[in-house]
């Protein structure tokens, strides 16, 4: 098992001092073991991770999310345009029907 280095970390005092020494009221020192660096050589290369970018729960990178939202906005605009076009075509169809009726009446009168 690899050796672990200990690092001395100061912790704040709680302000209650049981000793008569004035220096004892200062911060206490606590030693905590420092984990050894991993020795596994089968880590994924960082270049592979940086190419993919950071992924969230949907498995899309941030740039992919932006592109998807932009695509959604374009689709919404296209749908609105198609709806407006359909309305205009229906109005034009009615106008053409009225013109055809008028022409028939005019032809029949002559």
PDB file of N, CA and C in Angstrom:
ATOM      1  N   UNK A   1       0.841  -1.173   0.000  1.00  0.00           N
ATOM      2  CA  UNK A   1       0.000   0.000   0.000  1.00  0.00           C
ATOM      3  C   UNK A   1       0.890   1.243   0.000  1.00  0.00           C
ATOM      4  N   UNK A   2       0.568   2.238  -0.855  1.00  0.00           N
ATOM      5  CA  UNK A   2       1.442   3.412  -0.925  1.00  0.00           C
ATOM      6  C   UNK A   2       1.323   4.257   0.337  1.00  0.00           C
ATOM      7  N   UNK A   3       2.406   4.931   0.636  1.00  0.00           N
ATOM      8  CA  UNK A   3       2.409   5.793   1.809  1.00  0.00           C
ATOM      9  C   UNK A   3       1.589   7.046   1.527  1.00  0.00           C
ATOM     10  N   UNK A   4       0.935   7.535   2.546  1.00  0.00           N
ATOM     11  CA  UNK A   4       0.186   8.778   2.390  1.00  0.00           C
ATOM     12  C   UNK A   4       0.884   9.870   3.172  1.00  0.00           C
ATOM     13  N   UNK A   5       0.914  11.042   2.592  1.00  0.00           N
ATOM     14  CA  UNK A   5       1.523  12.181   3.266  1.00  0.00           C
ATOM     15  C   UNK A   5       0.462  12.837   4.129  1.00  0.00           C
ATOM     16  N   UNK A   6       0.893  13.357   5.253  1.00  0.00           N
ATOM     17  CA  UNK A   6      -0.055  14.063   6.110  1.00  0.00           C
ATOM     18  C   UNK A   6       0.137  15.553   5.918  1.00  0.00           C
ATOM     19  N   UNK A   7      -0.963  16.261   5.926  1.00  0.00           N
ATOM     20  CA  UNK A   7      -0.920  17.703   5.753  1.00  0.00           C
ATOM     21  C   UNK A   7      -1.501  18.334   7.011  1.00  0.00           C
ATOM     22  N   UNK A   8      -0.833  19.311   7.541  1.00  0.00           N
ATOM     23  CA  UNK A   8      -1.291  19.982   8.747  1.00  0.00           C
ATOM     24  C   UNK A   8      -2.246  21.094   8.346  1.00  0.00           C
ATOM     25  N   UNK A   9      -3.468  21.025   8.873  1.00  0.00           N
ATOM     26  CA  UNK A   9      -4.495  22.001   8.537  1.00  0.00           C
ATOM     27  C   UNK A   9      -4.923  22.707   9.814  1.00  0.00           C
ATOM     28  N   UNK A  10      -4.829  24.031   9.860  1.00  0.00           N
ATOM     29  CA  UNK A  10      -5.273  24.735  11.063  1.00  0.00           C
ATOM     30  C   UNK A  10      -6.799  24.777  11.111  1.00  0.00           C
ATOM     31  N   UNK A  11      -7.343  24.587  12.314  1.00  0.00           N
ATOM     32  CA  UNK A  11      -8.788  24.702  12.492  1.00  0.00           C
ATOM     33  C   UNK A  11      -9.057  25.841  13.450  1.00  0.00           C
ATOM     34  N   UNK A  12     -10.157  26.561  13.269  1.00  0.00           N
ATOM     35  CA  UNK A  12     -10.427  27.696  14.157  1.00  0.00           C
ATOM     36  C   UNK A  12     -10.757  27.231  15.573  1.00  0.00           C
ATOM     37  N   UNK A  13     -10.417  28.061  16.514  1.00  0.00           N
ATOM     38  CA  UNK A  13     -10.688  27.764  17.920  1.00  0.00           C
ATOM     39  C   UNK A  13     -12.149  28.045  18.218  1.00  0.00           C
ATOM     40  N   UNK A  14     -12.709  27.307  19.179  1.00  0.00           N
ATOM     41  CA  UNK A  14     -14.101  27.544  19.554  1.00  0.00           C
ATOM     42  C   UNK A  14     -14.215  28.661  20.594  1.00  0.00           C
ATOM     43  N   UNK A  15     -13.095  29.206  21.014  1.00  0.00           N
ATOM     44  CA  UNK A  15     -13.105  30.323  21.946  1.00  0.00           C
ATOM     45  C   UNK A  15     -13.136  29.911  23.404  1.00  0.00           C
ATOM     46  N   UNK A  16     -13.381  28.644  23.693  1.00  0.00           N
ATOM     47  CA  UNK A  16     -13.405  28.167  25.078  1.00  0.00           C
ATOM     48  C   UNK A  16     -12.046  27.565  25.393  1.00  0.00           C
ATOM     49  N   UNK A  17     -11.375  28.144  26.337  1.00  0.00           N
ATOM     50  CA  UNK A  17     -10.036  27.680  26.683  1.00  0.00           C
ATOM     51  C   UNK A  17     -10.054  27.122  28.093  1.00  0.00           C
ATOM     52  N   UNK A  18      -9.636  25.873  28.231  1.00  0.00           N
ATOM     53  CA  UNK A  18      -9.616  25.233  29.544  1.00  0.00           C
ATOM     54  C   UNK A  18      -8.272  25.385  30.237  1.00  0.00           C
ATOM     55  N   UNK A  19      -7.247  25.798  29.513  1.00  0.00           N
ATOM     56  CA  UNK A  19      -5.930  25.937  30.141  1.00  0.00           C
ATOM     57  C   UNK A  19      -5.684  27.396  30.489  1.00  0.00           C
ATOM     58  N   UNK A  20      -4.691  27.595  31.332  1.00  0.00           N
ATOM     59  CA  UNK A  20      -4.356  28.954  31.756  1.00  0.00           C
ATOM     60  C   UNK A  20      -3.415  29.624  30.769  1.00  0.00           C
ATOM     61  N   UNK A  21      -2.864  28.872  29.858  1.00  0.00           N
ATOM     62  CA  UNK A  21      -1.900  29.415  28.908  1.00  0.00           C
ATOM     63  C   UNK A  21      -2.623  30.278  27.872  1.00  0.00           C
ATOM     64  N   UNK A  22      -2.149  31.473  27.647  1.00  0.00           N
ATOM     65  CA  UNK A  22      -2.763  32.382  26.680  1.00  0.00           C
ATOM     66  C   UNK A  22      -2.607  31.893  25.251  1.00  0.00           C
ATOM     67  N   UNK A  23      -1.565  31.140  24.967  1.00  0.00           N
ATOM     68  CA  UNK A  23      -1.336  30.629  23.615  1.00  0.00           C
ATOM     69  C   UNK A  23      -2.252  29.457  23.294  1.00  0.00           C
ATOM     70  N   UNK A  24      -2.799  28.806  24.295  1.00  0.00           N
ATOM     71  CA  UNK A  24      -3.658  27.651  24.050  1.00  0.00           C
ATOM     72  C   UNK A  24      -4.989  28.070  23.442  1.00  0.00           C
ATOM     73  N   UNK A  25      -5.341  29.338  23.583  1.00  0.00           N
ATOM     74  CA  UNK A  25      -6.599  29.825  23.028  1.00  0.00           C
ATOM     75  C   UNK A  25      -6.504  30.055  21.519  1.00  0.00           C
ATOM     76  N   UNK A  26      -5.300  29.940  20.991  1.00  0.00           N
ATOM     77  CA  UNK A  26      -5.141  30.129  19.546  1.00  0.00           C
ATOM     78  C   UNK A  26      -5.587  28.882  18.807  1.00  0.00           C
ATOM     79  N   UNK A  27      -5.497  28.936  17.510  1.00  0.00           N
ATOM     80  CA  UNK A  27      -5.968  27.822  16.679  1.00  0.00           C
ATOM     81  C   UNK A  27      -5.246  26.526  16.999  1.00  0.00           C
ATOM     82  N   UNK A  28      -6.012  25.444  16.947  1.00  0.00           N
ATOM     83  CA  UNK A  28      -5.443  24.121  17.151  1.00  0.00           C
ATOM     84  C   UNK A  28      -5.040  23.561  15.792  1.00  0.00           C
ATOM     85  N   UNK A  29      -4.072  22.669  15.780  1.00  0.00           N
ATOM     86  CA  UNK A  29      -3.640  22.046  14.535  1.00  0.00           C
ATOM     87  C   UNK A  29      -4.161  20.622  14.469  1.00  0.00           C
ATOM     88  N   UNK A  30      -4.695  20.269  13.310  1.00  0.00           N
ATOM     89  CA  UNK A  30      -5.223  18.925  13.095  1.00  0.00           C
ATOM     90  C   UNK A  30      -4.486  18.329  11.912  1.00  0.00           C
ATOM     91  N   UNK A  31      -4.060  17.077  12.057  1.00  0.00           N
ATOM     92  CA  UNK A  31      -3.391  16.407  10.948  1.00  0.00           C
ATOM     93  C   UNK A  31      -4.364  15.469  10.260  1.00  0.00           C
ATOM     94  N   UNK A  32      -4.479  15.619   8.937  1.00  0.00           N
ATOM     95  CA  UNK A  32      -5.363  14.766   8.143  1.00  0.00           C
ATOM     96  C   UNK A  32      -4.537  14.084   7.063  1.00  0.00           C
ATOM     97  N   UNK A  33      -4.818  12.805   6.801  1.00  0.00           N
ATOM     98  CA  UNK A  33      -4.057  12.123   5.750  1.00  0.00           C
ATOM     99  C   UNK A  33      -4.424  12.680   4.379  1.00  0.00           C
ATOM    100  N   UNK A  34      -3.408  12.818   3.533  1.00  0.00           N
ATOM    101  CA  UNK A  34      -3.618  13.311   2.174  1.00  0.00           C
ATOM    102  C   UNK A  34      -3.603  12.113   1.229  1.00  0.00           C
ATOM    103  N   UNK A  35      -4.626  11.950   0.391  1.00  0.00           N
ATOM    104  CA  UNK A  35      -4.675  10.775  -0.479  1.00  0.00           C
ATOM    105  C   UNK A  35      -3.535  10.779  -1.493  1.00  0.00           C
ATOM    106  N   UNK A  36      -3.036   9.581  -1.765  1.00  0.00           N
ATOM    107  CA  UNK A  36      -1.964   9.434  -2.742  1.00  0.00           C
ATOM    108  C   UNK A  36      -2.534   9.624  -4.140  1.00  0.00           C
ATOM    109  N   UNK A  37      -1.742  10.148  -5.083  1.00  0.00           N
ATOM    110  CA  UNK A  37      -2.243  10.323  -6.450  1.00  0.00           C
ATOM    111  C   UNK A  37      -2.543   8.962  -7.077  1.00  0.00           C
ATOM    112  N   UNK A  38      -3.557   8.870  -7.941  1.00  0.00           N
ATOM    113  CA  UNK A  38      -3.903   7.582  -8.555  1.00  0.00           C
ATOM    114  C   UNK A  38      -2.781   7.086  -9.460  1.00  0.00           C
ATOM    115  N   UNK A  39      -2.559   5.785  -9.404  1.00  0.00           N
ATOM    116  CA  UNK A  39      -1.490   5.202 -10.211  1.00  0.00           C
ATOM    117  C   UNK A  39      -2.037   4.448 -11.409  1.00  0.00           C
ATOM    118  N   UNK A  40      -3.337   4.523 -11.651  1.00  0.00           N
ATOM    119  CA  UNK A  40      -3.952   3.818 -12.768  1.00  0.00           C
ATOM    120  C   UNK A  40      -3.525   4.481 -14.075  1.00  0.00           C
ATOM    121  N   UNK A  41      -2.876   3.716 -14.942  1.00  0.00           N
ATOM    122  CA  UNK A  41      -2.394   4.279 -16.202  1.00  0.00           C
ATOM    123  C   UNK A  41      -3.430   4.176 -17.314  1.00  0.00           C
ATOM    124  N   UNK A  42      -4.596   3.638 -17.037  1.00  0.00           N
ATOM    125  CA  UNK A  42      -5.622   3.472 -18.071  1.00  0.00           C
ATOM    126  C   UNK A  42      -6.665   4.586 -18.032  1.00  0.00           C
ATOM    127  N   UNK A  43      -6.244   5.768 -17.709  1.00  0.00           N
ATOM    128  CA  UNK A  43      -7.168   6.899 -17.712  1.00  0.00           C
ATOM    129  C   UNK A  43      -7.436   7.333 -19.143  1.00  0.00           C
ATOM    130  N   UNK A  44      -8.614   7.961 -19.355  1.00  0.00           N
ATOM    131  CA  UNK A  44      -8.924   8.475 -20.682  1.00  0.00           C
ATOM    132  C   UNK A  44      -8.066   9.704 -20.931  1.00  0.00           C
ATOM    133  N   UNK A  45      -7.571   9.854 -22.139  1.00  0.00           N
ATOM    134  CA  UNK A  45      -6.784  11.058 -22.425  1.00  0.00           C
ATOM    135  C   UNK A  45      -7.668  12.302 -22.368  1.00  0.00           C
ATOM    136  N   UNK A  46      -7.106  13.386 -21.874  1.00  0.00           N
ATOM    137  CA  UNK A  46      -7.881  14.622 -21.719  1.00  0.00           C
ATOM    138  C   UNK A  46      -8.283  15.216 -23.065  1.00  0.00           C
ATOM    139  N   UNK A  47      -7.503  14.982 -24.100  1.00  0.00           N
ATOM    140  CA  UNK A  47      -7.858  15.532 -25.405  1.00  0.00           C
ATOM    141  C   UNK A  47      -9.181  14.946 -25.880  1.00  0.00           C
ATOM    142  N   UNK A  48      -9.442  13.683 -25.552  1.00  0.00           N
ATOM    143  CA  UNK A  48     -10.703  13.041 -25.939  1.00  0.00           C
ATOM    144  C   UNK A  48     -11.872  13.706 -25.222  1.00  0.00           C
ATOM    145  N   UNK A  49     -11.689  14.030 -23.946  1.00  0.00           N
ATOM    146  CA  UNK A  49     -12.755  14.661 -23.182  1.00  0.00           C
ATOM    147  C   UNK A  49     -12.985  16.096 -23.635  1.00  0.00           C
ATOM    148  N   UNK A  50     -11.895  16.827 -23.969  1.00  0.00           N
ATOM    149  CA  UNK A  50     -12.072  18.219 -24.364  1.00  0.00           C
ATOM    150  C   UNK A  50     -12.736  18.330 -25.727  1.00  0.00           C
ATOM    151  N   UNK A  51     -12.571  17.331 -26.602  1.00  0.00           N
ATOM    152  CA  UNK A  51     -13.234  17.362 -27.903  1.00  0.00           C
ATOM    153  C   UNK A  51     -14.730  17.184 -27.727  1.00  0.00           C
ATOM    154  N   UNK A  52     -15.130  16.325 -26.813  1.00  0.00           N
ATOM    155  CA  UNK A  52     -16.547  16.076 -26.610  1.00  0.00           C
ATOM    156  C   UNK A  52     -17.205  17.220 -25.861  1.00  0.00           C
ATOM    157  N   UNK A  53     -16.497  17.863 -25.002  1.00  0.00           N
ATOM    158  CA  UNK A  53     -17.079  18.910 -24.184  1.00  0.00           C
ATOM    159  C   UNK A  53     -17.747  18.316 -22.967  1.00  0.00           C
ATOM    160  N   UNK A  54     -18.202  19.173 -22.106  1.00  0.00           N
ATOM    161  CA  UNK A  54     -18.849  18.712 -20.881  1.00  0.00           C
ATOM    162  C   UNK A  54     -20.310  18.413 -21.173  1.00  0.00           C
ATOM    163  N   UNK A  55     -20.744  17.222 -20.806  1.00  0.00           N
ATOM    164  CA  UNK A  55     -22.103  16.792 -21.110  1.00  0.00           C
ATOM    165  C   UNK A  55     -22.979  16.882 -19.868  1.00  0.00           C
ATOM    166  N   UNK A  56     -24.258  17.195 -20.085  1.00  0.00           N
ATOM    167  CA  UNK A  56     -25.198  17.217 -18.973  1.00  0.00           C
ATOM    168  C   UNK A  56     -26.055  15.959 -19.024  1.00  0.00           C
ATOM    169  N   UNK A  57     -27.163  15.949 -18.323  1.00  0.00           N
ATOM    170  CA  UNK A  57     -27.991  14.745 -18.209  1.00  0.00           C
ATOM    171  C   UNK A  57     -28.597  14.312 -19.538  1.00  0.00           C
ATOM    172  N   UNK A  58     -28.712  15.223 -20.509  1.00  0.00           N
ATOM    173  CA  UNK A  58     -29.308  14.873 -21.802  1.00  0.00           C
ATOM    174  C   UNK A  58     -28.276  14.355 -22.795  1.00  0.00           C
ATOM    175  N   UNK A  59     -27.024  14.245 -22.377  1.00  0.00           N
ATOM    176  CA  UNK A  59     -25.928  13.789 -23.231  1.00  0.00           C
ATOM    177  C   UNK A  59     -25.658  14.722 -24.397  1.00  0.00           C
ATOM    178  N   UNK A  60     -25.941  16.012 -24.264  1.00  0.00           N
ATOM    179  CA  UNK A  60     -25.585  16.999 -25.269  1.00  0.00           C
ATOM    180  C   UNK A  60     -24.583  17.959 -24.660  1.00  0.00           C
ATOM    181  N   UNK A  61     -23.619  18.389 -25.452  1.00  0.00           N
ATOM    182  CA  UNK A  61     -22.688  19.397 -24.967  1.00  0.00           C
ATOM    183  C   UNK A  61     -23.395  20.744 -24.978  1.00  0.00           C
ATOM    184  N   UNK A  62     -22.775  21.726 -24.362  1.00  0.00           N
ATOM    185  CA  UNK A  62     -23.382  23.061 -24.298  1.00  0.00           C
ATOM    186  C   UNK A  62     -23.565  23.634 -25.697  1.00  0.00           C
ATOM    187  N   UNK A  63     -22.575  23.456 -26.568  1.00  0.00           N
ATOM    188  CA  UNK A  63     -22.708  23.988 -27.929  1.00  0.00           C
ATOM    189  C   UNK A  63     -23.796  23.249 -28.699  1.00  0.00           C
ATOM    190  N   UNK A  64     -23.951  21.953 -28.442  1.00  0.00           N
ATOM    191  CA  UNK A  64     -25.021  21.206 -29.100  1.00  0.00           C
ATOM    192  C   UNK A  64     -26.382  21.685 -28.616  1.00  0.00           C
ATOM    193  N   UNK A  65     -26.489  21.995 -27.320  1.00  0.00           N
ATOM    194  CA  UNK A  65     -27.744  22.524 -26.779  1.00  0.00           C
ATOM    195  C   UNK A  65     -28.098  23.843 -27.455  1.00  0.00           C
ATOM    196  N   UNK A  66     -27.093  24.713 -27.648  1.00  0.00           N
ATOM    197  CA  UNK A  66     -27.333  26.003 -28.301  1.00  0.00           C
ATOM    198  C   UNK A  66     -27.810  25.786 -29.727  1.00  0.00           C
ATOM    199  N   UNK A  67     -27.166  24.854 -30.434  1.00  0.00           N
ATOM    200  CA  UNK A  67     -27.569  24.573 -31.815  1.00  0.00           C
ATOM    201  C   UNK A  67     -28.975  23.993 -31.873  1.00  0.00           C
ATOM    202  N   UNK A  68     -29.311  23.129 -30.926  1.00  0.00           N
ATOM    203  CA  UNK A  68     -30.660  22.563 -30.888  1.00  0.00           C
ATOM    204  C   UNK A  68     -31.706  23.644 -30.647  1.00  0.00           C
ATOM    205  N   UNK A  69     -31.416  24.550 -29.717  1.00  0.00           N
ATOM    206  CA  UNK A  69     -32.367  25.624 -29.436  1.00  0.00           C
ATOM    207  C   UNK A  69     -32.518  26.542 -30.638  1.00  0.00           C
ATOM    208  N   UNK A  70     -31.407  26.822 -31.328  1.00  0.00           N
ATOM    209  CA  UNK A  70     -31.480  27.659 -32.529  1.00  0.00           C
ATOM    210  C   UNK A  70     -32.297  26.953 -33.605  1.00  0.00           C
ATOM    211  N   UNK A  71     -32.114  25.652 -33.744  1.00  0.00           N
ATOM    212  CA  UNK A  71     -32.897  24.877 -34.705  1.00  0.00           C
ATOM    213  C   UNK A  71     -34.368  24.870 -34.348  1.00  0.00           C
ATOM    214  N   UNK A  72     -34.667  24.769 -33.051  1.00  0.00           N
ATOM    215  CA  UNK A  72     -36.064  24.817 -32.605  1.00  0.00           C
ATOM    216  C   UNK A  72     -36.696  26.163 -32.945  1.00  0.00           C
ATOM    217  N   UNK A  73     -35.927  27.244 -32.772  1.00  0.00           N
ATOM    218  CA  UNK A  73     -36.447  28.576 -33.104  1.00  0.00           C
ATOM    219  C   UNK A  73     -36.716  28.686 -34.601  1.00  0.00           C
ATOM    220  N   UNK A  74     -35.805  28.157 -35.421  1.00  0.00           N
ATOM    221  CA  UNK A  74     -36.022  28.189 -36.877  1.00  0.00           C
ATOM    222  C   UNK A  74     -37.255  27.392 -37.253  1.00  0.00           C
ATOM    223  N   UNK A  75     -37.424  26.223 -36.630  1.00  0.00           N
ATOM    224  CA  UNK A  75     -38.608  25.401 -36.914  1.00  0.00           C
ATOM    225  C   UNK A  75     -39.886  26.135 -36.527  1.00  0.00           C
ATOM    226  N   UNK A  76     -39.876  26.821 -35.400  1.00  0.00           N
ATOM    227  CA  UNK A  76     -41.057  27.569 -34.963  1.00  0.00           C
ATOM    228  C   UNK A  76     -41.380  28.686 -35.952  1.00  0.00           C
ATOM    229  N   UNK A  77     -40.345  29.387 -36.437  1.00  0.00           N
ATOM    230  CA  UNK A  77     -40.565  30.453 -37.422  1.00  0.00           C
ATOM    231  C   UNK A  77     -41.124  29.884 -38.719  1.00  0.00           C
ATOM    232  N   UNK A  78     -40.616  28.727 -39.143  1.00  0.00           N
ATOM    233  CA  UNK A  78     -41.113  28.088 -40.366  1.00  0.00           C
ATOM    234  C   UNK A  78     -42.571  27.690 -40.193  1.00  0.00           C
ATOM    235  N   UNK A  79     -42.917  27.152 -39.034  1.00  0.00           N
ATOM    236  CA  UNK A  79     -44.310  26.762 -38.788  1.00  0.00           C
ATOM    237  C   UNK A  79     -45.237  27.974 -38.822  1.00  0.00           C
ATOM    238  N   UNK A  80     -44.794  29.085 -38.259  1.00  0.00           N
ATOM    239  CA  UNK A  80     -45.604  30.306 -38.292  1.00  0.00           C
ATOM    240  C   UNK A  80     -45.765  30.778 -39.731  1.00  0.00           C
ATOM    241  N   UNK A  81     -44.667  30.750 -40.487  1.00  0.00           N
ATOM    242  CA  UNK A  81     -44.739  31.167 -41.892  1.00  0.00           C
ATOM    243  C   UNK A  81     -45.680  30.278 -42.681  1.00  0.00           C
ATOM    244  N   UNK A  82     -45.618  28.966 -42.448  1.00  0.00           N
ATOM    245  CA  UNK A  82     -46.523  28.045 -43.146  1.00  0.00           C
ATOM    246  C   UNK A  82     -47.975  28.301 -42.772  1.00  0.00           C
ATOM    247  N   UNK A  83     -48.217  28.598 -41.514  1.00  0.00           N
ATOM    248  CA  UNK A  83     -49.580  28.897 -41.075  1.00  0.00           C
ATOM    249  C   UNK A  83     -50.099  30.162 -41.760  1.00  0.00           C
ATOM    250  N   UNK A  84     -49.246  31.192 -41.822  1.00  0.00           N
ATOM    251  CA  UNK A  84     -49.636  32.432 -42.508  1.00  0.00           C
ATOM    252  C   UNK A  84     -49.872  32.185 -43.995  1.00  0.00           C
ATOM    253  N   UNK A  85     -49.022  31.376 -44.614  1.00  0.00           N
ATOM    254  CA  UNK A  85     -49.180  31.056 -46.032  1.00  0.00           C
ATOM    255  C   UNK A  85     -50.489  30.320 -46.281  1.00  0.00           C
ATOM    256  N   UNK A  86     -50.813  29.385 -45.410  1.00  0.00           N
ATOM    257  CA  UNK A  86     -52.074  28.638 -45.558  1.00  0.00           C
ATOM    258  C   UNK A  86     -53.274  29.583 -45.484  1.00  0.00           C
ATOM    259  N   UNK A  87     -53.231  30.509 -44.521  1.00  0.00           N
ATOM    260  CA  UNK A  87     -54.326  31.477 -44.379  1.00  0.00           C
ATOM    261  C   UNK A  87     -54.465  32.319 -45.649  1.00  0.00           C
ATOM    262  N   UNK A  88     -53.346  32.794 -46.171  1.00  0.00           N
ATOM    263  CA  UNK A  88     -53.379  33.600 -47.396  1.00  0.00           C
ATOM    264  C   UNK A  88     -53.885  32.785 -48.583  1.00  0.00           C
ATOM    265  N   UNK A  89     -53.483  31.522 -48.664  1.00  0.00           N
ATOM    266  CA  UNK A  89     -53.945  30.671 -49.770  1.00  0.00           C
ATOM    267  C   UNK A  89     -55.451  30.441 -49.686  1.00  0.00           C
ATOM    268  N   UNK A  90     -55.970  30.261 -48.478  1.00  0.00           N
ATOM    269  CA  UNK A  90     -57.418  30.082 -48.318  1.00  0.00           C
ATOM    270  C   UNK A  90     -58.169  31.338 -48.750  1.00  0.00           C
ATOM    271  N   UNK A  91     -57.639  32.512 -48.378  1.00  0.00           N
ATOM    272  CA  UNK A  91     -58.271  33.766 -48.791  1.00  0.00           C
ATOM    273  C   UNK A  91     -58.224  33.922 -50.308  1.00  0.00           C
ATOM    274  N   UNK A  92     -57.088  33.589 -50.901  1.00  0.00           N
ATOM    275  CA  UNK A  92     -56.948  33.672 -52.356  1.00  0.00           C
ATOM    276  C   UNK A  92     -57.901  32.706 -53.041  1.00  0.00           C
ATOM    277  N   UNK A  93     -58.061  31.523 -52.494  1.00  0.00           N
ATOM    278  CA  UNK A  93     -58.983  30.527 -53.058  1.00  0.00           C
ATOM    279  C   UNK A  93     -60.411  31.067 -53.068  1.00  0.00           C
ATOM    280  N   UNK A  94     -60.812  31.701 -51.982  1.00  0.00           N
ATOM    281  CA  UNK A  94     -62.157  32.286 -51.913  1.00  0.00           C
ATOM    282  C   UNK A  94     -62.315  33.394 -52.948  1.00  0.00           C
ATOM    283  N   UNK A  95     -61.279  34.225 -53.085  1.00  0.00           N
ATOM    284  CA  UNK A  95     -61.344  35.304 -54.077  1.00  0.00           C
ATOM    285  C   UNK A  95     -61.451  34.737 -55.490  1.00  0.00           C
ATOM    286  N   UNK A  96     -60.689  33.674 -55.768  1.00  0.00           N
ATOM    287  CA  UNK A  96     -60.761  33.044 -57.096  1.00  0.00           C
ATOM    288  C   UNK A  96     -62.136  32.440 -57.341  1.00  0.00           C
ATOM    289  N   UNK A  97     -62.710  31.823 -56.332  1.00  0.00           N
ATOM    290  CA  UNK A  97     -64.063  31.265 -56.484  1.00  0.00           C
ATOM    291  C   UNK A  97     -65.062  32.376 -56.799  1.00  0.00           C
ATOM    292  N   UNK A  98     -64.944  33.483 -56.088  1.00  0.00           N
ATOM    293  CA  UNK A  98     -65.842  34.612 -56.336  1.00  0.00           C
ATOM    294  C   UNK A  98     -65.638  35.171 -57.744  1.00  0.00           C
ATOM    295  N   UNK A  99     -64.389  35.273 -58.192  1.00  0.00           N
ATOM    296  CA  UNK A  99     -64.117  35.756 -59.550  1.00  0.00           C
ATOM    297  C   UNK A  99     -64.698  34.805 -60.596  1.00  0.00           C
ATOM    298  N   UNK A 100     -64.540  33.496 -60.358  1.00  0.00           N
ATOM    299  CA  UNK A 100     -65.081  32.510 -61.302  1.00  0.00           C
ATOM    300  C   UNK A 100     -66.608  32.621 -61.369  1.00  0.00           C
ATOM    301  N   UNK A 101     -67.254  32.818 -60.245  1.00  0.00           N
ATOM    302  CA  UNK A 101     -68.712  32.976 -60.237  1.00  0.00           C
ATOM    303  C   UNK A 101     -69.107  34.231 -61.005  1.00  0.00           C
ATOM    304  N   UNK A 102     -68.357  35.305 -60.791  1.00  0.00           N
ATOM    305  CA  UNK A 102     -68.648  36.556 -61.485  1.00  0.00           C
ATOM    306  C   UNK A 102     -68.462  36.386 -62.988  1.00  0.00           C
ATOM    307  N   UNK A 103     -67.408  35.715 -63.400  1.00  0.00           N
ATOM    308  CA  UNK A 103     -67.146  35.494 -64.825  1.00  0.00           C
ATOM    309  C   UNK A 103     -68.247  34.635 -65.425  1.00  0.00           C
ATOM    310  N   UNK A 104     -68.681  33.590 -64.726  1.00  0.00           N
ATOM    311  CA  UNK A 104     -69.760  32.735 -65.232  1.00  0.00           C
ATOM    312  C   UNK A 104     -71.033  33.545 -65.426  1.00  0.00           C
ATOM    313  N   UNK A 105     -71.328  34.367 -64.469  1.00  0.00           N
ATOM    314  CA  UNK A 105     -72.529  35.195 -64.573  1.00  0.00           C
ATOM    315  C   UNK A 105     -72.402  36.125 -65.768  1.00  0.00           C
ATOM    316  N   UNK A 106     -71.222  36.727 -65.929  1.00  0.00           N
ATOM    317  CA  UNK A 106     -71.011  37.636 -67.051  1.00  0.00           C
ATOM    318  C   UNK A 106     -71.100  36.892 -68.380  1.00  0.00           C
ATOM    319  N   UNK A 107     -70.566  35.703 -68.453  1.00  0.00           N
ATOM    320  CA  UNK A 107     -70.610  34.918 -69.686  1.00  0.00           C
ATOM    321  C   UNK A 107     -72.047  34.504 -69.981  1.00  0.00           C
ATOM    322  N   UNK A 108     -72.765  34.128 -68.955  1.00  0.00           N
ATOM    323  CA  UNK A 108     -74.153  33.707 -69.136  1.00  0.00           C
ATOM    324  C   UNK A 108     -75.035  34.876 -69.580  1.00  0.00           C
ATOM    325  N   UNK A 109     -74.734  36.067 -69.146  1.00  0.00           N
ATOM    326  CA  UNK A 109     -75.531  37.228 -69.502  1.00  0.00           C
ATOM    327  C   UNK A 109     -75.332  37.605 -70.959  1.00  0.00           C
ATOM    328  N   UNK A 110     -74.197  37.353 -71.539  1.00  0.00           N
ATOM    329  CA  UNK A 110     -73.929  37.767 -72.915  1.00  0.00           C
ATOM    330  C   UNK A 110     -74.557  36.876 -73.900  1.00  0.00           C
TER     331      UNK A 110
END
